Amino acid sequence: MEFIQALVNGLLIGGVYAVISIGLTLVFGVMSIINFAHAEFLMLGMFIAFFCWHYLGLDPLIGSLVAFVVVFGIGMLVQRSLIERVMKAPDVAQIFLTVGLLIVMENAALLAFGSDFRSVRVPYQTSAIQFGGLIIGVPYLLAFAVSLVAGVLLWAFMRFTWLGQAMRATSQDAAAALSLGMDVRRIRQIAFGLGVAMTALGGAVILPYFTASPTIGGQFVVLMFTAVVLGGLGNVLGAVIGGLAVGVIQTLSTLVLPIQLQNLVLFIVFILVLALRPEGLLRQR
């Protein structure tokens, strides 16, 4: 029963990891650029949801929608003003730009919000559901549910809308998409905004059981990259499976290791995948 409890907890946590990882792999798939500042948009989403709760009394789950819209706009602006300028530059220029953006966003948040940890208080914060001997925390269940809905909506958007199909076409062959009359620059801008907005939404929904701080991105950046590397960079389904796998590995490892070492097994798996199958589990060689 302890194993099943840890497995269920891992899947609930992994569902959120999947959503924040989808954003990272979507940006890479469409733009072929790795955004090292991606986790800072998660931090931004957490603070937007916190201030919506603090000043407007909105539940963080509702505030996640506000975070999605606001960060989508910010992401489009960042892509247009910064990222687009280095799309044809060498990889090292893209890396330096996104790492520099990470540093700027983190320090700007420290100046604006201070170094204090911020948390919310909601009625269901300590509630739990008992089912078949399992104890499921309501905040984790709700965060998983919102993440699941967001993931399904993104899948439907990418599969059935013209814009989603245009993003898929751009990710496969940008030159061919351009020759067919698609505005590739605009598509890249929307894809970047959508990617960081999904990550911001994921950050907002975990606020009932996680604290927000300007440096919170550092706790998630490795988890994001592990998830997308497991599934294969640019593979949305791979990011989902990778996110679930990361959550399960984290929780199951606590059955045999102290909680301080819960990421040890995860990092070992990460290194093994990089060494043995660097293209990811779901991508072809």
Protein backbone atom coordinates (compact mmCIF):
# COMPACT_ATOMS: atom_id res chain seq x y z
CA MET A 1 0.00 0.00 0.00
CA GLU A 2 2.90 2.36 0.71
CA PHE A 3 4.21 1.74 -2.80
CA ILE A 4 0.79 2.49 -4.37
CA GLN A 5 0.44 5.64 -2.26
CA ALA A 6 3.83 6.88 -3.45
CA LEU A 7 2.94 5.99 -7.05
CA VAL A 8 -0.32 7.94 -6.91
CA ASN A 9 1.42 10.93 -5.32
CA GLY A 10 4.07 10.78 -8.02
CA LEU A 11 1.50 10.80 -10.79
CA LEU A 12 -0.32 13.78 -9.27
CA ILE A 13 2.90 15.75 -8.96
CA GLY A 14 4.12 14.54 -12.34
CA GLY A 15 0.99 15.88 -14.02
CA VAL A 16 2.07 19.40 -13.12
CA TYR A 17 5.63 18.67 -14.19
CA ALA A 18 4.22 17.55 -17.54
CA VAL A 19 2.44 20.87 -18.11
CA ILE A 20 5.46 23.01 -17.29
CA SER A 21 7.66 20.77 -19.44
CA ILE A 22 5.29 20.94 -22.40
CA GLY A 23 5.99 24.66 -22.59
CA LEU A 24 9.74 24.10 -22.79
CA THR A 25 9.52 21.40 -25.44
CA LEU A 26 6.98 23.42 -27.47
CA VAL A 27 9.39 26.36 -27.67
CA PHE A 28 12.23 24.08 -28.74
CA GLY A 29 10.08 22.20 -31.24
CA VAL A 30 8.91 25.33 -33.07
CA MET A 31 11.96 27.56 -32.64
CA SER A 32 14.85 25.09 -32.14
CA ILE A 33 16.07 27.18 -29.23
CA ILE A 34 16.56 26.01 -25.65
CA ASN A 35 15.18 28.60 -23.23
CA PHE A 36 17.27 28.44 -20.06
CA ALA A 37 15.07 31.17 -18.54
CA HIS A 38 11.95 29.04 -18.89
CA ALA A 39 11.62 28.29 -15.16
CA GLU A 40 11.62 32.01 -14.39
CA PHE A 41 8.26 32.28 -16.13
CA LEU A 42 6.99 29.65 -13.69
CA MET A 43 8.14 31.95 -10.89
CA LEU A 44 6.35 34.84 -12.58
CA GLY A 45 3.15 32.81 -12.80
CA MET A 46 3.35 31.98 -9.09
CA PHE A 47 3.68 35.64 -8.13
CA ILE A 48 0.83 36.73 -10.40
CA ALA A 49 -1.43 34.10 -8.81
CA PHE A 50 -0.25 35.15 -5.34
CA PHE A 51 -1.06 38.81 -5.90
CA CYS A 52 -4.44 37.87 -7.41
CA TRP A 53 -5.16 35.98 -4.17
CA HIS A 54 -3.69 38.67 -1.91
CA TYR A 55 -5.35 41.73 -3.46
CA LEU A 56 -8.37 40.34 -5.32
CA GLY A 57 -9.19 37.30 -3.20
CA LEU A 58 -8.98 34.96 -6.20
CA ASP A 59 -8.25 31.29 -5.65
CA PRO A 60 -4.84 30.39 -7.16
CA LEU A 61 -6.57 27.98 -9.52
CA ILE A 62 -8.53 30.90 -10.94
CA GLY A 63 -5.47 33.10 -10.69
CA SER A 64 -3.68 30.57 -12.91
CA LEU A 65 -5.87 31.73 -15.80
CA VAL A 66 -4.80 35.33 -15.15
CA ALA A 67 -1.18 34.18 -14.99
CA PHE A 68 -1.60 32.35 -18.30
CA VAL A 69 -2.95 35.43 -20.09
CA VAL A 70 -0.44 37.89 -18.60
CA VAL A 71 2.61 35.70 -19.17
CA PHE A 72 1.42 34.87 -22.69
CA GLY A 73 1.57 38.59 -23.48
CA ILE A 74 4.94 38.99 -21.77
CA GLY A 75 6.30 35.96 -23.61
CA MET A 76 5.25 37.32 -27.00
CA LEU A 77 6.94 40.63 -26.18
CA VAL A 78 10.15 38.89 -25.05
CA GLN A 79 10.22 36.76 -28.18
CA ARG A 80 9.65 39.71 -30.49
CA SER A 81 12.17 42.02 -28.83
CA LEU A 82 14.91 39.55 -27.80
CA ILE A 83 14.62 35.95 -28.94
CA GLU A 84 13.78 36.70 -32.57
CA ARG A 85 16.99 38.69 -32.91
CA VAL A 86 19.18 35.64 -32.28
CA MET A 87 17.18 33.04 -34.21
CA LYS A 88 19.85 32.90 -36.94
CA ALA A 89 22.77 33.51 -34.58
CA PRO A 90 25.15 30.77 -33.40
CA ASP A 91 23.91 28.51 -30.62
CA VAL A 92 26.24 30.12 -28.11
CA ALA A 93 24.55 33.50 -28.64
CA GLN A 94 21.15 31.94 -27.99
CA ILE A 95 22.44 30.31 -24.81
CA PHE A 96 24.00 33.52 -23.51
CA LEU A 97 20.80 35.45 -24.24
CA THR A 98 18.48 33.05 -22.39
CA VAL A 99 20.89 32.65 -19.47
CA GLY A 100 21.17 36.44 -19.29
CA LEU A 101 17.38 36.68 -19.36
CA LEU A 102 17.26 34.21 -16.46
CA ILE A 103 19.62 36.38 -14.40
CA VAL A 104 17.75 39.58 -15.22
CA MET A 105 14.32 38.12 -14.39
CA GLU A 106 15.47 36.59 -11.11
CA ASN A 107 17.19 39.76 -9.91
CA ALA A 108 14.32 41.97 -11.08
CA ALA A 109 11.97 39.79 -9.03
CA LEU A 110 14.26 40.11 -6.01
CA LEU A 111 14.18 43.90 -6.35
CA ALA A 112 10.41 44.03 -6.90
CA PHE A 113 9.20 41.38 -4.44
CA GLY A 114 12.06 40.96 -1.98
CA SER A 115 13.57 37.66 -0.93
CA ASP A 116 10.66 36.59 1.30
CA PHE A 117 8.74 33.40 0.64
CA ARG A 118 5.06 33.99 -0.17
CA SER A 119 2.26 31.49 0.45
CA VAL A 120 -1.51 31.47 0.19
CA ARG A 121 -4.25 30.20 2.49
CA VAL A 122 -7.18 28.44 0.89
CA PRO A 123 -10.00 26.39 2.52
CA TYR A 124 -8.89 23.09 0.97
CA GLN A 125 -5.19 23.54 1.74
CA THR A 126 -5.04 20.76 4.34
CA SER A 127 -7.96 18.69 3.06
CA ALA A 128 -7.55 15.12 1.85
CA ILE A 129 -9.69 12.40 0.30
CA GLN A 130 -9.51 8.78 1.44
CA PHE A 131 -10.09 6.25 -1.30
CA GLY A 132 -9.44 2.53 -0.95
CA GLY A 133 -6.91 3.07 1.78
CA LEU A 134 -5.16 5.83 -0.15
CA ILE A 135 -4.93 9.42 1.08
CA ILE A 136 -5.03 11.99 -1.71
CA GLY A 137 -4.36 15.63 -0.88
CA VAL A 138 -7.00 17.92 -2.35
CA PRO A 139 -4.49 20.65 -3.42
CA TYR A 140 -2.47 18.04 -5.34
CA LEU A 141 -5.61 16.59 -6.92
CA LEU A 142 -6.91 19.99 -8.02
CA ALA A 143 -3.53 21.03 -9.41
CA PHE A 144 -3.39 17.76 -11.36
CA ALA A 145 -6.94 18.26 -12.66
CA VAL A 146 -6.25 21.79 -13.91
CA SER A 147 -2.98 20.63 -15.48
CA LEU A 148 -4.78 17.75 -17.18
CA VAL A 149 -7.43 20.06 -18.63
CA ALA A 150 -4.75 22.49 -19.82
CA GLY A 151 -2.80 19.68 -21.45
CA VAL A 152 -5.87 18.31 -23.25
CA LEU A 153 -6.82 21.78 -24.48
CA LEU A 154 -3.29 22.34 -25.78
CA TRP A 155 -3.38 18.98 -27.57
CA ALA A 156 -6.72 19.85 -29.17
CA PHE A 157 -5.38 23.28 -30.16
CA MET A 158 -2.29 21.77 -31.79
CA ARG A 159 -4.27 19.01 -33.50
CA PHE A 160 -7.44 20.66 -34.76
CA THR A 161 -6.83 24.41 -35.22
CA TRP A 162 -5.16 26.00 -38.21
CA LEU A 163 -2.71 27.86 -35.99
CA GLY A 164 -1.77 24.69 -34.16
CA GLN A 165 -1.20 22.89 -37.45
CA ALA A 166 0.89 25.85 -38.62
CA MET A 167 3.07 25.50 -35.50
CA ARG A 168 3.53 21.80 -36.20
CA ALA A 169 4.41 22.57 -39.82
CA THR A 170 6.90 25.23 -38.73
CA SER A 171 8.55 22.81 -36.31
CA GLN A 172 8.94 20.21 -39.08
CA ASP A 173 10.17 22.53 -41.86
CA ALA A 174 10.15 26.29 -41.35
CA ALA A 175 11.31 26.98 -44.92
CA ALA A 176 8.45 24.94 -46.38
CA ALA A 177 5.95 26.65 -44.08
CA LEU A 178 7.26 30.04 -45.22
CA SER A 179 6.94 29.04 -48.88
CA LEU A 180 3.28 28.17 -48.26
CA GLY A 181 2.58 31.71 -47.12
CA MET A 182 2.69 31.20 -43.36
CA ASP A 183 3.95 34.06 -41.21
CA VAL A 184 6.70 32.05 -39.56
CA ARG A 185 7.89 34.91 -37.36
CA ARG A 186 4.38 35.42 -35.99
CA ILE A 187 3.96 31.70 -35.43
CA ARG A 188 7.23 31.57 -33.48
CA GLN A 189 6.10 34.53 -31.39
CA ILE A 190 2.80 32.86 -30.50
CA ALA A 191 4.51 29.53 -29.81
CA PHE A 192 6.95 31.13 -27.37
CA GLY A 193 4.15 33.01 -25.62
CA LEU A 194 2.07 29.84 -25.40
CA GLY A 195 5.01 27.81 -24.10
CA VAL A 196 5.91 30.16 -21.25
CA ALA A 197 2.21 30.73 -20.45
CA MET A 198 1.69 26.98 -19.94
CA THR A 199 4.62 26.96 -17.54
CA ALA A 200 3.23 29.98 -15.68
CA LEU A 201 -0.11 28.20 -15.32
CA GLY A 202 1.67 25.17 -13.89
CA GLY A 203 3.45 27.39 -11.37
CA ALA A 204 0.20 29.04 -10.30
CA VAL A 205 -1.71 25.81 -9.62
CA ILE A 206 0.93 24.49 -7.21
CA LEU A 207 0.78 27.64 -5.08
CA PRO A 208 -1.61 26.08 -2.49
CA TYR A 209 1.13 23.59 -1.53
CA PHE A 210 4.27 25.44 -2.61
CA THR A 211 5.77 28.79 -1.64
CA ALA A 212 6.69 31.45 -4.16
CA SER A 213 10.06 33.17 -4.15
CA PRO A 214 12.20 34.93 -6.79
CA THR A 215 14.64 32.00 -6.81
CA ILE A 216 12.02 29.24 -7.08
CA GLY A 217 12.92 28.64 -10.72
CA GLY A 218 16.18 27.00 -9.69
CA GLN A 219 14.20 24.19 -8.02
CA PHE A 220 12.29 23.39 -11.20
CA VAL A 221 14.69 24.03 -14.06
CA VAL A 222 16.47 20.68 -13.72
CA LEU A 223 13.13 18.87 -13.37
CA MET A 224 11.91 20.48 -16.60
CA PHE A 225 15.02 19.58 -18.55
CA THR A 226 15.01 16.05 -17.17
CA ALA A 227 11.40 15.58 -18.30
CA VAL A 228 11.98 16.88 -21.82
CA VAL A 229 15.25 14.95 -22.22
CA LEU A 230 13.53 11.74 -21.12
CA GLY A 231 10.79 12.22 -23.71
CA GLY A 232 12.91 13.87 -26.38
CA LEU A 233 13.31 17.60 -26.99
CA GLY A 234 10.51 18.89 -29.19
CA ASN A 235 8.21 15.93 -28.51
CA VAL A 236 5.05 17.11 -26.69
CA LEU A 237 3.86 13.58 -25.84
CA GLY A 238 7.38 12.81 -24.65
CA ALA A 239 7.27 15.81 -22.32
CA VAL A 240 4.02 14.51 -20.80
CA ILE A 241 5.45 11.04 -20.25
CA GLY A 242 8.73 12.51 -19.01
CA GLY A 243 6.93 14.79 -16.53
CA LEU A 244 4.92 11.89 -15.13
CA ALA A 245 8.07 9.79 -14.93
CA VAL A 246 9.93 12.52 -13.03
CA GLY A 247 7.14 12.77 -10.45
CA VAL A 248 6.99 9.00 -9.98
CA ILE A 249 10.78 8.64 -9.70
CA GLN A 250 10.89 11.41 -7.10
CA THR A 251 8.22 9.90 -4.85
CA LEU A 252 9.28 6.26 -5.20
CA SER A 253 12.88 7.13 -4.37
CA THR A 254 11.75 8.45 -0.97
CA LEU A 255 10.72 4.90 -0.06
CA VAL A 256 14.38 3.85 0.07
CA LEU A 257 16.26 7.14 0.44
CA PRO A 258 15.97 10.15 2.79
CA ILE A 259 13.78 12.92 1.39
CA GLN A 260 16.86 15.15 1.08
CA LEU A 261 18.15 12.72 -1.55
CA GLN A 262 14.89 12.30 -3.47
CA ASN A 263 16.42 13.77 -6.61
CA LEU A 264 19.50 11.52 -6.54
CA VAL A 265 17.83 8.67 -8.45
CA LEU A 266 16.29 11.21 -10.83
CA PHE A 267 19.68 12.67 -11.70
CA ILE A 268 21.15 9.20 -12.19
CA VAL A 269 18.35 8.38 -14.64
CA PHE A 270 18.94 11.75 -16.35
CA ILE A 271 22.65 11.04 -16.83
CA LEU A 272 21.99 7.50 -18.07
CA VAL A 273 19.50 8.74 -20.67
CA LEU A 274 21.94 11.41 -21.85
CA ALA A 275 24.69 8.82 -22.12
CA LEU A 276 22.74 5.95 -23.68
CA ARG A 277 19.92 7.63 -25.61
CA PRO A 278 20.51 11.40 -25.82
CA GLU A 279 17.71 11.86 -28.38
CA GLY A 280 15.17 10.80 -25.75
CA LEU A 281 13.00 7.75 -25.28
CA LEU A 282 10.32 8.67 -27.83
CA ARG A 283 12.41 10.23 -30.60
CA GLN A 284 13.94 8.30 -33.46
CA ARG A 285 17.70 8.27 -33.82
